[in-house]
Amino acid sequence: MQKLHNYIENINRLFVTGNAREHSYRGDLQDLLNKIIDDKDIVVTNEPARIVNVGAPDYSITKKDIPIGYIEAKDINKPLNSKDYTEQFDRYKNALDNLIITDYMDFWFYKSGELTNKIKIAKIEDNKIVALEENFLLFINNIKSFTTQISQTITSPSKLAKMMAGKARLLQNVIERAIISEDESDANNSLREQLEVFKATLIHDITPESFADIYA
């Protein structure tokens, strides 16, 4: 359990400064997860800012380079059920089969869009982050289970349709943000060029949002 105590001490050290923000704790959570998982084939990656800005979750978890889960992290001391997060969280829950949403203390586990568990490993007390050690073992077991999830079998046309619709919505958002972003990567420039061709030959007044919808 020492790894969890160390993690909480580290994020508390940042929190009490009053200057820490969401990104400040990223490395500590990444380090904790890698230590809990302890599998050379599984890597927890803190996604680059460029990918995050086009709509991808903050962390990806891969096994032999194959994605098996995603984590979205928000700032400490703002409720995860805040309306500010609703649109983004709904989009991720619909599109990603294996997802954790967290504020670095409270962890919500989702499988195929359904909430399966909520585990709080720390709380704020007297303006400090203090451990809830009684939940440590449950948290560790759920993290290990999260990284061994097997994709859910599609058993009906309606389930397939729901999964595909969710993934299409995520793709639409990623494409739209890539087009309107200032990032000059080859992939983004290619999408912008395709939009201009579409405008010139098919729909002259098409917006980035509509183009992304068609593309997805």
C-alpha atoms as a PDB file:
ATOM      1  CA  MET A   1       0.000   0.000   0.000  1.00  0.00           C
ATOM      2  CA  GLN A   2       3.023   2.271   0.306  1.00  0.00           C
ATOM      3  CA  LYS A   3       2.827   3.228  -3.361  1.00  0.00           C
ATOM      4  CA  LEU A   4      -0.618   4.730  -2.747  1.00  0.00           C
ATOM      5  CA  HIS A   5       0.530   6.618   0.335  1.00  0.00           C
ATOM      6  CA  ASN A   6       3.444   8.002  -1.682  1.00  0.00           C
ATOM      7  CA  TYR A   7       1.093   9.063  -4.477  1.00  0.00           C
ATOM      8  CA  ILE A   8      -1.234  10.894  -2.089  1.00  0.00           C
ATOM      9  CA  GLU A   9       1.693  12.585  -0.355  1.00  0.00           C
ATOM     10  CA  ASN A  10       2.972  13.757  -3.737  1.00  0.00           C
ATOM     11  CA  ILE A  11      -0.316  15.204  -4.969  1.00  0.00           C
ATOM     12  CA  ASN A  12      -0.950  16.806  -1.571  1.00  0.00           C
ATOM     13  CA  ARG A  13       2.460  18.481  -1.721  1.00  0.00           C
ATOM     14  CA  LEU A  14       1.375  20.081  -4.987  1.00  0.00           C
ATOM     15  CA  PHE A  15      -2.184  20.806  -3.872  1.00  0.00           C
ATOM     16  CA  VAL A  16      -1.263  22.782  -0.742  1.00  0.00           C
ATOM     17  CA  THR A  17       0.852  25.213  -2.770  1.00  0.00           C
ATOM     18  CA  GLY A  18      -2.347  26.597  -4.258  1.00  0.00           C
ATOM     19  CA  ASN A  19      -0.669  26.817  -7.654  1.00  0.00           C
ATOM     20  CA  ALA A  20      -1.261  23.296  -8.967  1.00  0.00           C
ATOM     21  CA  ARG A  21      -3.700  22.629 -11.780  1.00  0.00           C
ATOM     22  CA  GLU A  22      -5.058  19.540 -13.521  1.00  0.00           C
ATOM     23  CA  HIS A  23      -1.855  18.882 -15.464  1.00  0.00           C
ATOM     24  CA  SER A  24       0.322  19.236 -12.366  1.00  0.00           C
ATOM     25  CA  TYR A  25      -0.685  15.807 -11.060  1.00  0.00           C
ATOM     26  CA  ARG A  26      -0.474  13.926 -14.357  1.00  0.00           C
ATOM     27  CA  GLY A  27       2.957  12.406 -13.840  1.00  0.00           C
ATOM     28  CA  ASP A  28       2.146  11.202 -10.323  1.00  0.00           C
ATOM     29  CA  LEU A  29      -0.941   9.309 -11.480  1.00  0.00           C
ATOM     30  CA  GLN A  30       0.909   7.825 -14.444  1.00  0.00           C
ATOM     31  CA  ASP A  31       3.672   6.609 -12.131  1.00  0.00           C
ATOM     32  CA  LEU A  32       1.175   5.126  -9.656  1.00  0.00           C
ATOM     33  CA  LEU A  33      -0.712   3.223 -12.343  1.00  0.00           C
ATOM     34  CA  ASN A  34       2.444   1.784 -13.870  1.00  0.00           C
ATOM     35  CA  LYS A  35       3.520   0.566 -10.419  1.00  0.00           C
ATOM     36  CA  ILE A  36       0.146  -1.042  -9.680  1.00  0.00           C
ATOM     37  CA  ILE A  37      -0.119  -2.739 -13.057  1.00  0.00           C
ATOM     38  CA  ASP A  38       3.522  -3.894 -12.985  1.00  0.00           C
ATOM     39  CA  ASP A  39       3.379  -5.569 -16.394  1.00  0.00           C
ATOM     40  CA  LYS A  40       6.138  -4.955 -18.926  1.00  0.00           C
ATOM     41  CA  ASP A  41       3.641  -5.404 -21.771  1.00  0.00           C
ATOM     42  CA  ILE A  42       1.244  -2.742 -20.453  1.00  0.00           C
ATOM     43  CA  VAL A  43       2.115   0.944 -20.695  1.00  0.00           C
ATOM     44  CA  VAL A  44       0.235   3.922 -19.290  1.00  0.00           C
ATOM     45  CA  THR A  45       0.877   6.901 -21.530  1.00  0.00           C
ATOM     46  CA  ASN A  46       0.204  10.509 -20.638  1.00  0.00           C
ATOM     47  CA  GLU A  47      -1.023  11.685 -24.045  1.00  0.00           C
ATOM     48  CA  PRO A  48       0.704  14.640 -25.723  1.00  0.00           C
ATOM     49  CA  ALA A  49      -1.119  17.990 -25.540  1.00  0.00           C
ATOM     50  CA  ARG A  50      -1.748  17.991 -29.294  1.00  0.00           C
ATOM     51  CA  ILE A  51      -3.825  14.809 -29.058  1.00  0.00           C
ATOM     52  CA  VAL A  52      -5.676  15.965 -25.961  1.00  0.00           C
ATOM     53  CA  ASN A  53      -6.641  19.211 -27.687  1.00  0.00           C
ATOM     54  CA  VAL A  54      -8.465  17.378 -30.461  1.00  0.00           C
ATOM     55  CA  GLY A  55     -10.581  15.449 -28.029  1.00  0.00           C
ATOM     56  CA  ALA A  56      -8.689  12.353 -26.895  1.00  0.00           C
ATOM     57  CA  PRO A  57      -8.651  11.289 -23.224  1.00  0.00           C
ATOM     58  CA  ASP A  58      -5.673  12.269 -21.091  1.00  0.00           C
ATOM     59  CA  TYR A  59      -4.177   8.794 -20.747  1.00  0.00           C
ATOM     60  CA  SER A  60      -4.181   5.713 -22.911  1.00  0.00           C
ATOM     61  CA  ILE A  61      -3.370   2.250 -21.608  1.00  0.00           C
ATOM     62  CA  THR A  62      -1.879  -0.101 -24.159  1.00  0.00           C
ATOM     63  CA  LYS A  63      -0.838  -3.724 -24.148  1.00  0.00           C
ATOM     64  CA  LYS A  64       1.787  -4.510 -26.767  1.00  0.00           C
ATOM     65  CA  ASP A  65       0.794  -1.246 -28.493  1.00  0.00           C
ATOM     66  CA  ILE A  66      -2.918  -2.168 -28.554  1.00  0.00           C
ATOM     67  CA  PRO A  67      -5.217   0.237 -26.626  1.00  0.00           C
ATOM     68  CA  ILE A  68      -7.100  -1.507 -23.824  1.00  0.00           C
ATOM     69  CA  GLY A  69      -8.368   1.459 -21.804  1.00  0.00           C
ATOM     70  CA  TYR A  70      -8.510   5.216 -21.401  1.00  0.00           C
ATOM     71  CA  ILE A  71      -8.469   7.648 -18.489  1.00  0.00           C
ATOM     72  CA  GLU A  72      -9.787  11.201 -18.369  1.00  0.00           C
ATOM     73  CA  ALA A  73      -8.474  13.303 -15.458  1.00  0.00           C
ATOM     74  CA  LYS A  74      -9.940  16.540 -14.141  1.00  0.00           C
ATOM     75  CA  ASP A  75      -8.710  19.043 -11.592  1.00  0.00           C
ATOM     76  CA  ILE A  76      -8.891  18.326  -7.888  1.00  0.00           C
ATOM     77  CA  ASN A  77     -11.685  19.962  -5.878  1.00  0.00           C
ATOM     78  CA  LYS A  78     -14.224  20.208  -8.724  1.00  0.00           C
ATOM     79  CA  PRO A  79     -16.986  17.555  -8.649  1.00  0.00           C
ATOM     80  CA  LEU A  80     -16.857  14.982 -11.414  1.00  0.00           C
ATOM     81  CA  ASN A  81     -20.623  15.355 -11.810  1.00  0.00           C
ATOM     82  CA  SER A  82     -20.225  19.030 -12.725  1.00  0.00           C
ATOM     83  CA  LYS A  83     -22.371  20.056 -15.684  1.00  0.00           C
ATOM     84  CA  ASP A  84     -19.225  21.504 -17.248  1.00  0.00           C
ATOM     85  CA  TYR A  85     -18.044  17.951 -17.895  1.00  0.00           C
ATOM     86  CA  THR A  86     -21.314  16.379 -19.066  1.00  0.00           C
ATOM     87  CA  GLU A  87     -20.874  16.704 -22.829  1.00  0.00           C
ATOM     88  CA  GLN A  88     -17.296  15.461 -22.846  1.00  0.00           C
ATOM     89  CA  PHE A  89     -17.920  12.595 -20.439  1.00  0.00           C
ATOM     90  CA  ASP A  90     -21.009  11.425 -22.333  1.00  0.00           C
ATOM     91  CA  ARG A  91     -19.036  11.456 -25.568  1.00  0.00           C
ATOM     92  CA  TYR A  92     -16.255   9.354 -24.063  1.00  0.00           C
ATOM     93  CA  LYS A  93     -18.626   6.932 -22.328  1.00  0.00           C
ATOM     94  CA  ASN A  94     -20.468   6.329 -25.588  1.00  0.00           C
ATOM     95  CA  ALA A  95     -17.311   5.874 -27.629  1.00  0.00           C
ATOM     96  CA  LEU A  96     -14.872   4.055 -25.338  1.00  0.00           C
ATOM     97  CA  ASP A  97     -15.506   0.555 -24.016  1.00  0.00           C
ATOM     98  CA  ASN A  98     -13.087   0.766 -21.075  1.00  0.00           C
ATOM     99  CA  LEU A  99     -12.855   4.134 -19.325  1.00  0.00           C
ATOM    100  CA  ILE A 100     -11.915   5.732 -16.014  1.00  0.00           C
ATOM    101  CA  ILE A 101     -12.883   9.282 -15.087  1.00  0.00           C
ATOM    102  CA  THR A 102     -11.018  10.774 -12.133  1.00  0.00           C
ATOM    103  CA  ASP A 103     -10.114  13.892 -10.178  1.00  0.00           C
ATOM    104  CA  TYR A 104      -6.988  12.100  -8.886  1.00  0.00           C
ATOM    105  CA  MET A 105      -8.814  11.133  -5.670  1.00  0.00           C
ATOM    106  CA  ASP A 106     -12.153   9.765  -6.847  1.00  0.00           C
ATOM    107  CA  PHE A 107     -12.143   7.134  -9.613  1.00  0.00           C
ATOM    108  CA  TRP A 108     -15.236   6.233 -11.659  1.00  0.00           C
ATOM    109  CA  PHE A 109     -14.972   3.043 -13.705  1.00  0.00           C
ATOM    110  CA  TYR A 110     -17.043   2.562 -16.868  1.00  0.00           C
ATOM    111  CA  LYS A 111     -17.502  -0.502 -19.037  1.00  0.00           C
ATOM    112  CA  SER A 112     -19.304  -0.078 -22.365  1.00  0.00           C
ATOM    113  CA  GLY A 113     -20.756   3.207 -21.137  1.00  0.00           C
ATOM    114  CA  GLU A 114     -22.100   1.797 -17.870  1.00  0.00           C
ATOM    115  CA  LEU A 115     -20.780   2.876 -14.462  1.00  0.00           C
ATOM    116  CA  THR A 116     -19.397  -0.209 -12.714  1.00  0.00           C
ATOM    117  CA  ASN A 117     -17.681   1.258  -9.647  1.00  0.00           C
ATOM    118  CA  LYS A 118     -16.775   4.432  -7.783  1.00  0.00           C
ATOM    119  CA  ILE A 119     -13.733   4.333  -5.525  1.00  0.00           C
ATOM    120  CA  LYS A 120     -12.401   7.244  -3.475  1.00  0.00           C
ATOM    121  CA  ILE A 121      -8.820   6.840  -2.272  1.00  0.00           C
ATOM    122  CA  ALA A 122      -8.426  10.293  -0.739  1.00  0.00           C
ATOM    123  CA  LYS A 123     -10.401  13.334   0.366  1.00  0.00           C
ATOM    124  CA  ILE A 124      -9.787  16.980   1.176  1.00  0.00           C
ATOM    125  CA  GLU A 125      -9.778  17.738   4.885  1.00  0.00           C
ATOM    126  CA  ASP A 126      -8.575  21.006   6.438  1.00  0.00           C
ATOM    127  CA  ASN A 127      -7.275  22.076   3.016  1.00  0.00           C
ATOM    128  CA  LYS A 128      -5.097  18.980   2.725  1.00  0.00           C
ATOM    129  CA  ILE A 129      -5.455  15.722   0.820  1.00  0.00           C
ATOM    130  CA  VAL A 130      -5.693  12.797   3.210  1.00  0.00           C
ATOM    131  CA  ALA A 131      -5.708   9.088   2.417  1.00  0.00           C
ATOM    132  CA  LEU A 132      -8.723   6.793   2.667  1.00  0.00           C
ATOM    133  CA  GLU A 133      -6.648   3.696   3.262  1.00  0.00           C
ATOM    134  CA  GLU A 134      -9.677   1.441   3.703  1.00  0.00           C
ATOM    135  CA  ASN A 135     -10.313   1.745  -0.049  1.00  0.00           C
ATOM    136  CA  PHE A 136      -6.761   1.057  -1.225  1.00  0.00           C
ATOM    137  CA  LEU A 137      -7.107  -2.681  -1.822  1.00  0.00           C
ATOM    138  CA  LEU A 138     -10.378  -2.271  -3.724  1.00  0.00           C
ATOM    139  CA  PHE A 139      -8.751   0.388  -5.881  1.00  0.00           C
ATOM    140  CA  ILE A 140      -5.726  -1.778  -6.671  1.00  0.00           C
ATOM    141  CA  ASN A 141      -7.920  -4.733  -7.603  1.00  0.00           C
ATOM    142  CA  ASN A 142     -10.103  -2.601  -9.853  1.00  0.00           C
ATOM    143  CA  ILE A 143      -7.112  -1.083 -11.636  1.00  0.00           C
ATOM    144  CA  LYS A 144      -5.715  -4.553 -12.317  1.00  0.00           C
ATOM    145  CA  SER A 145      -9.115  -5.704 -13.546  1.00  0.00           C
ATOM    146  CA  PHE A 146      -9.384  -2.594 -15.725  1.00  0.00           C
ATOM    147  CA  THR A 147      -6.195  -3.539 -17.558  1.00  0.00           C
ATOM    148  CA  THR A 148      -7.308  -7.120 -18.192  1.00  0.00           C
ATOM    149  CA  GLN A 149     -10.719  -6.295 -19.630  1.00  0.00           C
ATOM    150  CA  ILE A 150     -11.756  -8.282 -22.681  1.00  0.00           C
ATOM    151  CA  SER A 151     -13.789  -6.496 -25.317  1.00  0.00           C
ATOM    152  CA  GLN A 152     -17.487  -7.129 -24.854  1.00  0.00           C
ATOM    153  CA  THR A 153     -19.070  -9.511 -27.323  1.00  0.00           C
ATOM    154  CA  ILE A 154     -21.605  -7.904 -29.654  1.00  0.00           C
ATOM    155  CA  THR A 155     -24.794  -9.899 -29.193  1.00  0.00           C
ATOM    156  CA  SER A 156     -27.375  -7.853 -31.079  1.00  0.00           C
ATOM    157  CA  PRO A 157     -27.717  -5.373 -33.970  1.00  0.00           C
ATOM    158  CA  SER A 158     -28.892  -2.694 -31.524  1.00  0.00           C
ATOM    159  CA  LYS A 159     -25.741  -3.068 -29.394  1.00  0.00           C
ATOM    160  CA  LEU A 160     -23.573  -2.824 -32.515  1.00  0.00           C
ATOM    161  CA  ALA A 161     -25.465   0.268 -33.675  1.00  0.00           C
ATOM    162  CA  LYS A 162     -25.036   1.956 -30.288  1.00  0.00           C
ATOM    163  CA  MET A 163     -21.307   1.218 -30.185  1.00  0.00           C
ATOM    164  CA  MET A 164     -20.733   2.434 -33.742  1.00  0.00           C
ATOM    165  CA  ALA A 165     -22.755   5.610 -33.166  1.00  0.00           C
ATOM    166  CA  GLY A 166     -20.688   6.442 -30.115  1.00  0.00           C
ATOM    167  CA  LYS A 167     -17.408   5.901 -31.920  1.00  0.00           C
ATOM    168  CA  ALA A 168     -18.650   8.008 -34.845  1.00  0.00           C
ATOM    169  CA  ARG A 169     -19.462  10.892 -32.498  1.00  0.00           C
ATOM    170  CA  LEU A 170     -15.978  10.745 -31.010  1.00  0.00           C
ATOM    171  CA  LEU A 171     -14.404  10.663 -34.479  1.00  0.00           C
ATOM    172  CA  GLN A 172     -16.540  13.610 -35.600  1.00  0.00           C
ATOM    173  CA  ASN A 173     -15.340  15.684 -32.663  1.00  0.00           C
ATOM    174  CA  VAL A 174     -11.703  14.768 -33.268  1.00  0.00           C
ATOM    175  CA  ILE A 175     -11.929  15.693 -36.965  1.00  0.00           C
ATOM    176  CA  GLU A 176     -13.675  19.010 -36.337  1.00  0.00           C
ATOM    177  CA  ARG A 177     -11.159  20.078 -33.696  1.00  0.00           C
ATOM    178  CA  ALA A 178      -8.258  19.050 -35.915  1.00  0.00           C
ATOM    179  CA  ILE A 179      -9.578  21.213 -38.757  1.00  0.00           C
ATOM    180  CA  ILE A 180     -10.075  24.341 -36.658  1.00  0.00           C
ATOM    181  CA  SER A 181      -6.961  23.949 -34.510  1.00  0.00           C
ATOM    182  CA  GLU A 182      -3.789  25.940 -35.159  1.00  0.00           C
ATOM    183  CA  ASP A 183      -1.695  22.777 -35.213  1.00  0.00           C
ATOM    184  CA  GLU A 184       0.063  22.514 -38.582  1.00  0.00           C
ATOM    185  CA  SER A 185       0.653  18.754 -38.548  1.00  0.00           C
ATOM    186  CA  ASP A 186       0.447  16.801 -41.812  1.00  0.00           C
ATOM    187  CA  ALA A 187      -2.737  15.039 -40.692  1.00  0.00           C
ATOM    188  CA  ASN A 188      -4.512  18.292 -39.816  1.00  0.00           C
ATOM    189  CA  ASN A 189      -3.412  19.978 -43.047  1.00  0.00           C
ATOM    190  CA  SER A 190      -4.659  16.991 -45.041  1.00  0.00           C
ATOM    191  CA  LEU A 191      -8.107  17.303 -43.454  1.00  0.00           C
ATOM    192  CA  ARG A 192      -8.214  21.032 -44.212  1.00  0.00           C
ATOM    193  CA  GLU A 193      -7.269  20.365 -47.837  1.00  0.00           C
ATOM    194  CA  GLN A 194     -10.036  17.781 -48.135  1.00  0.00           C
ATOM    195  CA  LEU A 195     -12.524  20.280 -46.697  1.00  0.00           C
ATOM    196  CA  GLU A 196     -11.507  22.875 -49.290  1.00  0.00           C
ATOM    197  CA  VAL A 197     -11.905  20.343 -52.106  1.00  0.00           C
ATOM    198  CA  PHE A 198     -15.336  19.421 -50.743  1.00  0.00           C
ATOM    199  CA  LYS A 199     -16.298  23.108 -50.719  1.00  0.00           C
ATOM    200  CA  ALA A 200     -15.071  23.654 -54.249  1.00  0.00           C
ATOM    201  CA  THR A 201     -16.752  20.646 -55.811  1.00  0.00           C
ATOM    202  CA  LEU A 202     -19.799  19.683 -53.748  1.00  0.00           C
ATOM    203  CA  ILE A 203     -21.134  21.898 -50.949  1.00  0.00           C
ATOM    204  CA  HIS A 204     -19.797  25.439 -51.162  1.00  0.00           C
ATOM    205  CA  ASP A 205     -20.968  26.616 -47.739  1.00  0.00           C
ATOM    206  CA  ILE A 206     -20.159  23.501 -45.730  1.00  0.00           C
ATOM    207  CA  THR A 207     -18.882  24.144 -42.209  1.00  0.00           C
ATOM    208  CA  PRO A 208     -16.093  22.242 -40.426  1.00  0.00           C
ATOM    209  CA  GLU A 209     -18.750  20.712 -38.152  1.00  0.00           C
ATOM    210  CA  SER A 210     -20.832  19.422 -41.077  1.00  0.00           C
ATOM    211  CA  PHE A 211     -17.764  18.162 -42.907  1.00  0.00           C
ATOM    212  CA  ALA A 212     -16.616  16.290 -39.805  1.00  0.00           C
ATOM    213  CA  ASP A 213     -20.073  14.723 -39.492  1.00  0.00           C
ATOM    214  CA  ILE A 214     -19.964  13.477 -43.087  1.00  0.00           C
ATOM    215  CA  TYR A 215     -16.357  12.318 -42.767  1.00  0.00           C
ATOM    216  CA  ALA A 216     -17.050  10.357 -39.588  1.00  0.00           C
END
